[in-house]
């Protein structure tokens, strides 16, 4: 824990839920970082997961300034 923030020992992670599964992927494995564009993050995630980029086009890409983690989430559906 650094300054009250839980930091992953493996470094910054991409947190994503895709195709019904949750993944935590070190950003270093994706060759992206907190300065990468949303599109670069989506392309790297799609390549890593072996899924078409089209499946991730609508996903939001949110960055955590404290941990440098990135979270990708599908569009919210309100009913």
PDB file of N, CA and C in Angstrom:
ATOM      1  N   UNK A   1       0.856  -1.161   0.000  1.00  0.00           N
ATOM      2  CA  UNK A   1       0.000   0.000   0.000  1.00  0.00           C
ATOM      3  C   UNK A   1       0.905   1.228   0.000  1.00  0.00           C
ATOM      4  N   UNK A   2       0.636   2.155  -0.905  1.00  0.00           N
ATOM      5  CA  UNK A   2       1.390   3.397  -0.982  1.00  0.00           C
ATOM      6  C   UNK A   2       0.427   4.560  -0.823  1.00  0.00           C
ATOM      7  N   UNK A   3       0.645   5.365   0.217  1.00  0.00           N
ATOM      8  CA  UNK A   3      -0.209   6.529   0.464  1.00  0.00           C
ATOM      9  C   UNK A   3      -1.693   6.180   0.478  1.00  0.00           C
ATOM     10  N   UNK A   4      -2.018   5.033   1.073  1.00  0.00           N
ATOM     11  CA  UNK A   4      -3.411   4.617   1.175  1.00  0.00           C
ATOM     12  C   UNK A   4      -3.980   3.997  -0.084  1.00  0.00           C
ATOM     13  N   UNK A   5      -3.136   3.764  -1.100  1.00  0.00           N
ATOM     14  CA  UNK A   5      -3.587   3.189  -2.368  1.00  0.00           C
ATOM     15  C   UNK A   5      -2.981   1.799  -2.504  1.00  0.00           C
ATOM     16  N   UNK A   6      -3.811   0.811  -2.788  1.00  0.00           N
ATOM     17  CA  UNK A   6      -3.323  -0.552  -2.993  1.00  0.00           C
ATOM     18  C   UNK A   6      -2.724  -0.638  -4.394  1.00  0.00           C
ATOM     19  N   UNK A   7      -1.436  -0.994  -4.460  1.00  0.00           N
ATOM     20  CA  UNK A   7      -0.725  -1.092  -5.727  1.00  0.00           C
ATOM     21  C   UNK A   7      -0.385  -2.560  -5.968  1.00  0.00           C
ATOM     22  N   UNK A   8      -0.668  -3.050  -7.162  1.00  0.00           N
ATOM     23  CA  UNK A   8      -0.387  -4.440  -7.511  1.00  0.00           C
ATOM     24  C   UNK A   8       1.118  -4.634  -7.654  1.00  0.00           C
ATOM     25  N   UNK A   9       1.650  -5.670  -7.038  1.00  0.00           N
ATOM     26  CA  UNK A   9       3.085  -5.953  -7.092  1.00  0.00           C
ATOM     27  C   UNK A   9       3.565  -6.229  -8.515  1.00  0.00           C
ATOM     28  N   UNK A  10       2.675  -6.696  -9.379  1.00  0.00           N
ATOM     29  CA  UNK A  10       3.041  -6.990 -10.772  1.00  0.00           C
ATOM     30  C   UNK A  10       3.036  -5.733 -11.638  1.00  0.00           C
ATOM     31  N   UNK A  11       2.712  -4.592 -11.046  1.00  0.00           N
ATOM     32  CA  UNK A  11       2.656  -3.348 -11.807  1.00  0.00           C
ATOM     33  C   UNK A  11       1.248  -3.055 -12.279  1.00  0.00           C
ATOM     34  N   UNK A  12       1.103  -1.957 -13.017  1.00  0.00           N
ATOM     35  CA  UNK A  12      -0.216  -1.563 -13.508  1.00  0.00           C
ATOM     36  C   UNK A  12      -0.866  -2.664 -14.350  1.00  0.00           C
ATOM     37  N   UNK A  13      -2.167  -2.784 -14.216  1.00  0.00           N
ATOM     38  CA  UNK A  13      -2.933  -3.853 -14.868  1.00  0.00           C
ATOM     39  C   UNK A  13      -4.037  -3.276 -15.754  1.00  0.00           C
ATOM     40  N   UNK A  14      -4.425  -4.057 -16.737  1.00  0.00           N
ATOM     41  CA  UNK A  14      -5.661  -3.813 -17.475  1.00  0.00           C
ATOM     42  C   UNK A  14      -6.703  -4.735 -16.873  1.00  0.00           C
ATOM     43  N   UNK A  15      -7.786  -4.174 -16.399  1.00  0.00           N
ATOM     44  CA  UNK A  15      -8.914  -4.950 -15.879  1.00  0.00           C
ATOM     45  C   UNK A  15     -10.002  -4.888 -16.945  1.00  0.00           C
ATOM     46  N   UNK A  16     -10.427  -6.051 -17.405  1.00  0.00           N
ATOM     47  CA  UNK A  16     -11.433  -6.083 -18.473  1.00  0.00           C
ATOM     48  C   UNK A  16     -12.336  -7.294 -18.297  1.00  0.00           C
ATOM     49  N   UNK A  17     -13.604  -7.096 -18.623  1.00  0.00           N
ATOM     50  CA  UNK A  17     -14.556  -8.207 -18.674  1.00  0.00           C
ATOM     51  C   UNK A  17     -15.009  -8.316 -20.125  1.00  0.00           C
ATOM     52  N   UNK A  18     -14.696  -9.465 -20.727  1.00  0.00           N
ATOM     53  CA  UNK A  18     -15.033  -9.684 -22.134  1.00  0.00           C
ATOM     54  C   UNK A  18     -15.438 -11.137 -22.330  1.00  0.00           C
ATOM     55  N   UNK A  19     -16.423 -11.336 -23.147  1.00  0.00           N
ATOM     56  CA  UNK A  19     -16.910 -12.690 -23.450  1.00  0.00           C
ATOM     57  C   UNK A  19     -17.247 -13.471 -22.187  1.00  0.00           C
ATOM     58  N   UNK A  20     -17.815 -12.769 -21.191  1.00  0.00           N
ATOM     59  CA  UNK A  20     -18.281 -13.433 -19.981  1.00  0.00           C
ATOM     60  C   UNK A  20     -17.198 -13.781 -18.977  1.00  0.00           C
ATOM     61  N   UNK A  21     -15.960 -13.320 -19.210  1.00  0.00           N
ATOM     62  CA  UNK A  21     -14.854 -13.606 -18.280  1.00  0.00           C
ATOM     63  C   UNK A  21     -14.172 -12.309 -17.877  1.00  0.00           C
ATOM     64  N   UNK A  22     -13.583 -12.319 -16.686  1.00  0.00           N
ATOM     65  CA  UNK A  22     -12.808 -11.172 -16.207  1.00  0.00           C
ATOM     66  C   UNK A  22     -11.325 -11.479 -16.355  1.00  0.00           C
ATOM     67  N   UNK A  23     -10.573 -10.463 -16.752  1.00  0.00           N
ATOM     68  CA  UNK A  23      -9.137 -10.610 -16.947  1.00  0.00           C
ATOM     69  C   UNK A  23      -8.404  -9.472 -16.249  1.00  0.00           C
ATOM     70  N   UNK A  24      -7.253  -9.765 -15.683  1.00  0.00           N
ATOM     71  CA  UNK A  24      -6.313  -8.783 -15.163  1.00  0.00           C
ATOM     72  C   UNK A  24      -4.999  -9.061 -15.875  1.00  0.00           C
ATOM     73  N   UNK A  25      -4.616  -8.149 -16.755  1.00  0.00           N
ATOM     74  CA  UNK A  25      -3.450  -8.347 -17.606  1.00  0.00           C
ATOM     75  C   UNK A  25      -2.440  -7.243 -17.320  1.00  0.00           C
ATOM     76  N   UNK A  26      -1.208  -7.591 -16.978  1.00  0.00           N
ATOM     77  CA  UNK A  26      -0.202  -6.548 -16.771  1.00  0.00           C
ATOM     78  C   UNK A  26      -0.036  -5.695 -18.035  1.00  0.00           C
ATOM     79  N   UNK A  27      -0.009  -4.379 -17.859  1.00  0.00           N
ATOM     80  CA  UNK A  27       0.119  -3.490 -19.013  1.00  0.00           C
ATOM     81  C   UNK A  27       1.404  -3.741 -19.783  1.00  0.00           C
ATOM     82  N   UNK A  28       2.449  -4.172 -19.090  1.00  0.00           N
ATOM     83  CA  UNK A  28       3.715  -4.441 -19.761  1.00  0.00           C
ATOM     84  C   UNK A  28       3.560  -5.566 -20.787  1.00  0.00           C
ATOM     85  N   UNK A  29       2.661  -6.522 -20.528  1.00  0.00           N
ATOM     86  CA  UNK A  29       2.410  -7.609 -21.495  1.00  0.00           C
ATOM     87  C   UNK A  29       1.720  -7.095 -22.750  1.00  0.00           C
ATOM     88  N   UNK A  30       0.979  -5.994 -22.601  1.00  0.00           N
ATOM     89  CA  UNK A  30       0.239  -5.429 -23.724  1.00  0.00           C
ATOM     90  C   UNK A  30       1.033  -4.351 -24.455  1.00  0.00           C
ATOM     91  N   UNK A  31       2.153  -3.931 -23.878  1.00  0.00           N
ATOM     92  CA  UNK A  31       2.964  -2.846 -24.417  1.00  0.00           C
ATOM     93  C   UNK A  31       2.147  -1.560 -24.535  1.00  0.00           C
ATOM     94  N   UNK A  32       1.345  -1.284 -23.502  1.00  0.00           N
ATOM     95  CA  UNK A  32       0.596  -0.031 -23.402  1.00  0.00           C
ATOM     96  C   UNK A  32       0.824   0.545 -22.012  1.00  0.00           C
ATOM     97  N   UNK A  33       0.460   1.803 -21.850  1.00  0.00           N
ATOM     98  CA  UNK A  33       0.579   2.459 -20.560  1.00  0.00           C
ATOM     99  C   UNK A  33      -0.485   3.515 -20.403  1.00  0.00           C
ATOM    100  N   UNK A  34      -0.379   4.310 -19.338  1.00  0.00           N
ATOM    101  CA  UNK A  34      -1.428   5.284 -19.070  1.00  0.00           C
ATOM    102  C   UNK A  34      -1.430   6.443 -20.071  1.00  0.00           C
ATOM    103  N   UNK A  35      -0.407   6.531 -20.915  1.00  0.00           N
ATOM    104  CA  UNK A  35      -0.391   7.557 -21.969  1.00  0.00           C
ATOM    105  C   UNK A  35      -0.858   7.023 -23.320  1.00  0.00           C
ATOM    106  N   UNK A  36      -1.141   5.733 -23.394  1.00  0.00           N
ATOM    107  CA  UNK A  36      -1.645   5.144 -24.638  1.00  0.00           C
ATOM    108  C   UNK A  36      -3.057   5.651 -24.894  1.00  0.00           C
ATOM    109  N   UNK A  37      -3.406   5.746 -26.172  1.00  0.00           N
ATOM    110  CA  UNK A  37      -4.760   6.173 -26.513  1.00  0.00           C
ATOM    111  C   UNK A  37      -5.750   5.053 -26.210  1.00  0.00           C
ATOM    112  N   UNK A  38      -7.025   5.417 -26.113  1.00  0.00           N
ATOM    113  CA  UNK A  38      -8.065   4.408 -25.899  1.00  0.00           C
ATOM    114  C   UNK A  38      -8.006   3.348 -26.999  1.00  0.00           C
ATOM    115  N   UNK A  39      -7.805   3.783 -28.238  1.00  0.00           N
ATOM    116  CA  UNK A  39      -7.769   2.836 -29.357  1.00  0.00           C
ATOM    117  C   UNK A  39      -6.572   1.902 -29.247  1.00  0.00           C
ATOM    118  N   UNK A  40      -5.417   2.401 -28.836  1.00  0.00           N
ATOM    119  CA  UNK A  40      -4.241   1.537 -28.654  1.00  0.00           C
ATOM    120  C   UNK A  40      -4.502   0.483 -27.581  1.00  0.00           C
ATOM    121  N   UNK A  41      -5.178   0.880 -26.515  1.00  0.00           N
ATOM    122  CA  UNK A  41      -5.502  -0.071 -25.442  1.00  0.00           C
ATOM    123  C   UNK A  41      -6.480  -1.120 -25.956  1.00  0.00           C
ATOM    124  N   UNK A  42      -7.519  -0.690 -26.694  1.00  0.00           N
ATOM    125  CA  UNK A  42      -8.495  -1.640 -27.230  1.00  0.00           C
ATOM    126  C   UNK A  42      -7.834  -2.639 -28.179  1.00  0.00           C
ATOM    127  N   UNK A  43      -6.992  -2.157 -29.083  1.00  0.00           N
ATOM    128  CA  UNK A  43      -6.318  -3.034 -30.055  1.00  0.00           C
ATOM    129  C   UNK A  43      -5.416  -4.029 -29.327  1.00  0.00           C
ATOM    130  N   UNK A  44      -4.639  -3.557 -28.354  1.00  0.00           N
ATOM    131  CA  UNK A  44      -3.741  -4.448 -27.609  1.00  0.00           C
ATOM    132  C   UNK A  44      -4.535  -5.503 -26.845  1.00  0.00           C
ATOM    133  N   UNK A  45      -5.651  -5.105 -26.237  1.00  0.00           N
ATOM    134  CA  UNK A  45      -6.481  -6.053 -25.489  1.00  0.00           C
ATOM    135  C   UNK A  45      -7.086  -7.091 -26.428  1.00  0.00           C
ATOM    136  N   UNK A  46      -7.608  -6.651 -27.567  1.00  0.00           N
ATOM    137  CA  UNK A  46      -8.201  -7.584 -28.532  1.00  0.00           C
ATOM    138  C   UNK A  46      -7.154  -8.578 -29.034  1.00  0.00           C
ATOM    139  N   UNK A  47      -5.963  -8.078 -29.360  1.00  0.00           N
ATOM    140  CA  UNK A  47      -4.892  -8.967 -29.829  1.00  0.00           C
ATOM    141  C   UNK A  47      -4.530  -9.986 -28.753  1.00  0.00           C
ATOM    142  N   UNK A  48      -4.378  -9.510 -27.521  1.00  0.00           N
ATOM    143  CA  UNK A  48      -3.989 -10.393 -26.408  1.00  0.00           C
ATOM    144  C   UNK A  48      -5.040 -11.472 -26.149  1.00  0.00           C
ATOM    145  N   UNK A  49      -6.312 -11.072 -26.210  1.00  0.00           N
ATOM    146  CA  UNK A  49      -7.404 -12.002 -25.921  1.00  0.00           C
ATOM    147  C   UNK A  49      -7.802 -12.836 -27.137  1.00  0.00           C
ATOM    148  N   UNK A  50      -7.286 -12.484 -28.310  1.00  0.00           N
ATOM    149  CA  UNK A  50      -7.619 -13.231 -29.521  1.00  0.00           C
ATOM    150  C   UNK A  50      -9.054 -13.049 -29.960  1.00  0.00           C
ATOM    151  N   UNK A  51      -9.563 -11.836 -29.776  1.00  0.00           N
ATOM    152  CA  UNK A  51     -10.939 -11.540 -30.188  1.00  0.00           C
ATOM    153  C   UNK A  51     -10.924 -10.392 -31.189  1.00  0.00           C
ATOM    154  N   UNK A  52     -11.941 -10.288 -32.028  1.00  0.00           N
ATOM    155  CA  UNK A  52     -11.992  -9.188 -32.995  1.00  0.00           C
ATOM    156  C   UNK A  52     -12.093  -7.842 -32.278  1.00  0.00           C
ATOM    157  N   UNK A  53     -11.395  -6.845 -32.798  1.00  0.00           N
ATOM    158  CA  UNK A  53     -11.414  -5.514 -32.208  1.00  0.00           C
ATOM    159  C   UNK A  53     -12.838  -4.956 -32.147  1.00  0.00           C
ATOM    160  N   UNK A  54     -13.673  -5.347 -33.082  1.00  0.00           N
ATOM    161  CA  UNK A  54     -15.058  -4.869 -33.099  1.00  0.00           C
ATOM    162  C   UNK A  54     -15.808  -5.159 -31.811  1.00  0.00           C
ATOM    163  N   UNK A  55     -15.442  -6.237 -31.121  1.00  0.00           N
ATOM    164  CA  UNK A  55     -16.116  -6.581 -29.867  1.00  0.00           C
ATOM    165  C   UNK A  55     -15.791  -5.593 -28.750  1.00  0.00           C
ATOM    166  N   UNK A  56     -14.703  -4.837 -28.903  1.00  0.00           N
ATOM    167  CA  UNK A  56     -14.284  -3.911 -27.846  1.00  0.00           C
ATOM    168  C   UNK A  56     -14.486  -2.448 -28.214  1.00  0.00           C
ATOM    169  N   UNK A  57     -14.977  -2.170 -29.409  1.00  0.00           N
ATOM    170  CA  UNK A  57     -15.108  -0.780 -29.874  1.00  0.00           C
ATOM    171  C   UNK A  57     -15.955   0.088 -28.946  1.00  0.00           C
ATOM    172  N   UNK A  58     -17.011  -0.443 -28.392  1.00  0.00           N
ATOM    173  CA  UNK A  58     -17.888   0.354 -27.540  1.00  0.00           C
ATOM    174  C   UNK A  58     -17.461   0.404 -26.081  1.00  0.00           C
ATOM    175  N   UNK A  59     -16.403  -0.309 -25.722  1.00  0.00           N
ATOM    176  CA  UNK A  59     -15.973  -0.361 -24.331  1.00  0.00           C
ATOM    177  C   UNK A  59     -15.379   0.980 -23.895  1.00  0.00           C
ATOM    178  N   UNK A  60     -15.691   1.384 -22.676  1.00  0.00           N
ATOM    179  CA  UNK A  60     -15.047   2.569 -22.112  1.00  0.00           C
ATOM    180  C   UNK A  60     -13.638   2.178 -21.666  1.00  0.00           C
ATOM    181  N   UNK A  61     -12.746   3.148 -21.656  1.00  0.00           N
ATOM    182  CA  UNK A  61     -11.376   2.941 -21.195  1.00  0.00           C
ATOM    183  C   UNK A  61     -11.113   3.991 -20.121  1.00  0.00           C
ATOM    184  N   UNK A  62     -11.007   3.546 -18.878  1.00  0.00           N
ATOM    185  CA  UNK A  62     -10.824   4.453 -17.746  1.00  0.00           C
ATOM    186  C   UNK A  62      -9.479   4.207 -17.096  1.00  0.00           C
ATOM    187  N   UNK A  63      -8.797   5.300 -16.776  1.00  0.00           N
ATOM    188  CA  UNK A  63      -7.475   5.224 -16.165  1.00  0.00           C
ATOM    189  C   UNK A  63      -7.531   5.659 -14.703  1.00  0.00           C
ATOM    190  N   UNK A  64      -6.828   4.915 -13.854  1.00  0.00           N
ATOM    191  CA  UNK A  64      -6.729   5.254 -12.437  1.00  0.00           C
ATOM    192  C   UNK A  64      -5.407   5.986 -12.234  1.00  0.00           C
ATOM    193  N   UNK A  65      -5.477   7.269 -11.911  1.00  0.00           N
ATOM    194  CA  UNK A  65      -4.269   8.090 -11.785  1.00  0.00           C
ATOM    195  C   UNK A  65      -3.383   7.642 -10.628  1.00  0.00           C
ATOM    196  N   UNK A  66      -3.968   7.059  -9.590  1.00  0.00           N
ATOM    197  CA  UNK A  66      -3.186   6.655  -8.421  1.00  0.00           C
ATOM    198  C   UNK A  66      -2.417   5.354  -8.648  1.00  0.00           C
ATOM    199  N   UNK A  67      -3.053   4.382  -9.301  1.00  0.00           N
ATOM    200  CA  UNK A  67      -2.422   3.063  -9.480  1.00  0.00           C
ATOM    201  C   UNK A  67      -1.872   2.862 -10.896  1.00  0.00           C
ATOM    202  N   UNK A  68      -2.287   3.718 -11.832  1.00  0.00           N
ATOM    203  CA  UNK A  68      -1.934   3.617 -13.256  1.00  0.00           C
ATOM    204  C   UNK A  68      -2.587   2.402 -13.919  1.00  0.00           C
ATOM    205  N   UNK A  69      -3.574   1.793 -13.239  1.00  0.00           N
ATOM    206  CA  UNK A  69      -4.343   0.704 -13.836  1.00  0.00           C
ATOM    207  C   UNK A  69      -5.297   1.280 -14.877  1.00  0.00           C
ATOM    208  N   UNK A  70      -5.713   0.426 -15.800  1.00  0.00           N
ATOM    209  CA  UNK A  70      -6.706   0.780 -16.804  1.00  0.00           C
ATOM    210  C   UNK A  70      -7.852  -0.216 -16.691  1.00  0.00           C
ATOM    211  N   UNK A  71      -9.079   0.290 -16.708  1.00  0.00           N
ATOM    212  CA  UNK A  71     -10.257  -0.568 -16.662  1.00  0.00           C
ATOM    213  C   UNK A  71     -11.053  -0.373 -17.938  1.00  0.00           C
ATOM    214  N   UNK A  72     -11.386  -1.472 -18.577  1.00  0.00           N
ATOM    215  CA  UNK A  72     -12.253  -1.436 -19.762  1.00  0.00           C
ATOM    216  C   UNK A  72     -13.578  -2.091 -19.402  1.00  0.00           C
ATOM    217  N   UNK A  73     -14.653  -1.426 -19.792  1.00  0.00           N
ATOM    218  CA  UNK A  73     -15.977  -1.951 -19.462  1.00  0.00           C
ATOM    219  C   UNK A  73     -16.899  -1.799 -20.671  1.00  0.00           C
ATOM    220  N   UNK A  74     -17.786  -2.797 -20.841  1.00  0.00           N
ATOM    221  CA  UNK A  74     -18.761  -2.701 -21.935  1.00  0.00           C
ATOM    222  C   UNK A  74     -19.751  -1.581 -21.636  1.00  0.00           C
ATOM    223  N   UNK A  75     -20.459  -1.135 -22.668  1.00  0.00           N
ATOM    224  CA  UNK A  75     -21.453  -0.083 -22.443  1.00  0.00           C
ATOM    225  C   UNK A  75     -22.496  -0.529 -21.429  1.00  0.00           C
ATOM    226  N   UNK A  76     -22.877   0.392 -20.572  1.00  0.00           N
ATOM    227  CA  UNK A  76     -23.913   0.092 -19.588  1.00  0.00           C
ATOM    228  C   UNK A  76     -25.277   0.041 -20.276  1.00  0.00           C
ATOM    229  N   UNK A  77     -26.090  -0.889 -19.851  1.00  0.00           N
ATOM    230  CA  UNK A  77     -27.431  -1.025 -20.401  1.00  0.00           C
ATOM    231  C   UNK A  77     -28.425  -0.698 -19.289  1.00  0.00           C
ATOM    232  N   UNK A  78     -29.208   0.322 -19.525  1.00  0.00           N
ATOM    233  CA  UNK A  78     -30.206   0.721 -18.529  1.00  0.00           C
ATOM    234  C   UNK A  78     -31.579   0.378 -19.087  1.00  0.00           C
ATOM    235  N   UNK A  79     -32.399  -0.138 -18.206  1.00  0.00           N
ATOM    236  CA  UNK A  79     -33.585  -0.657 -18.681  1.00  0.00           C
ATOM    237  C   UNK A  79     -34.867  -0.119 -18.653  1.00  0.00           C
TER     238      UNK A  79
END
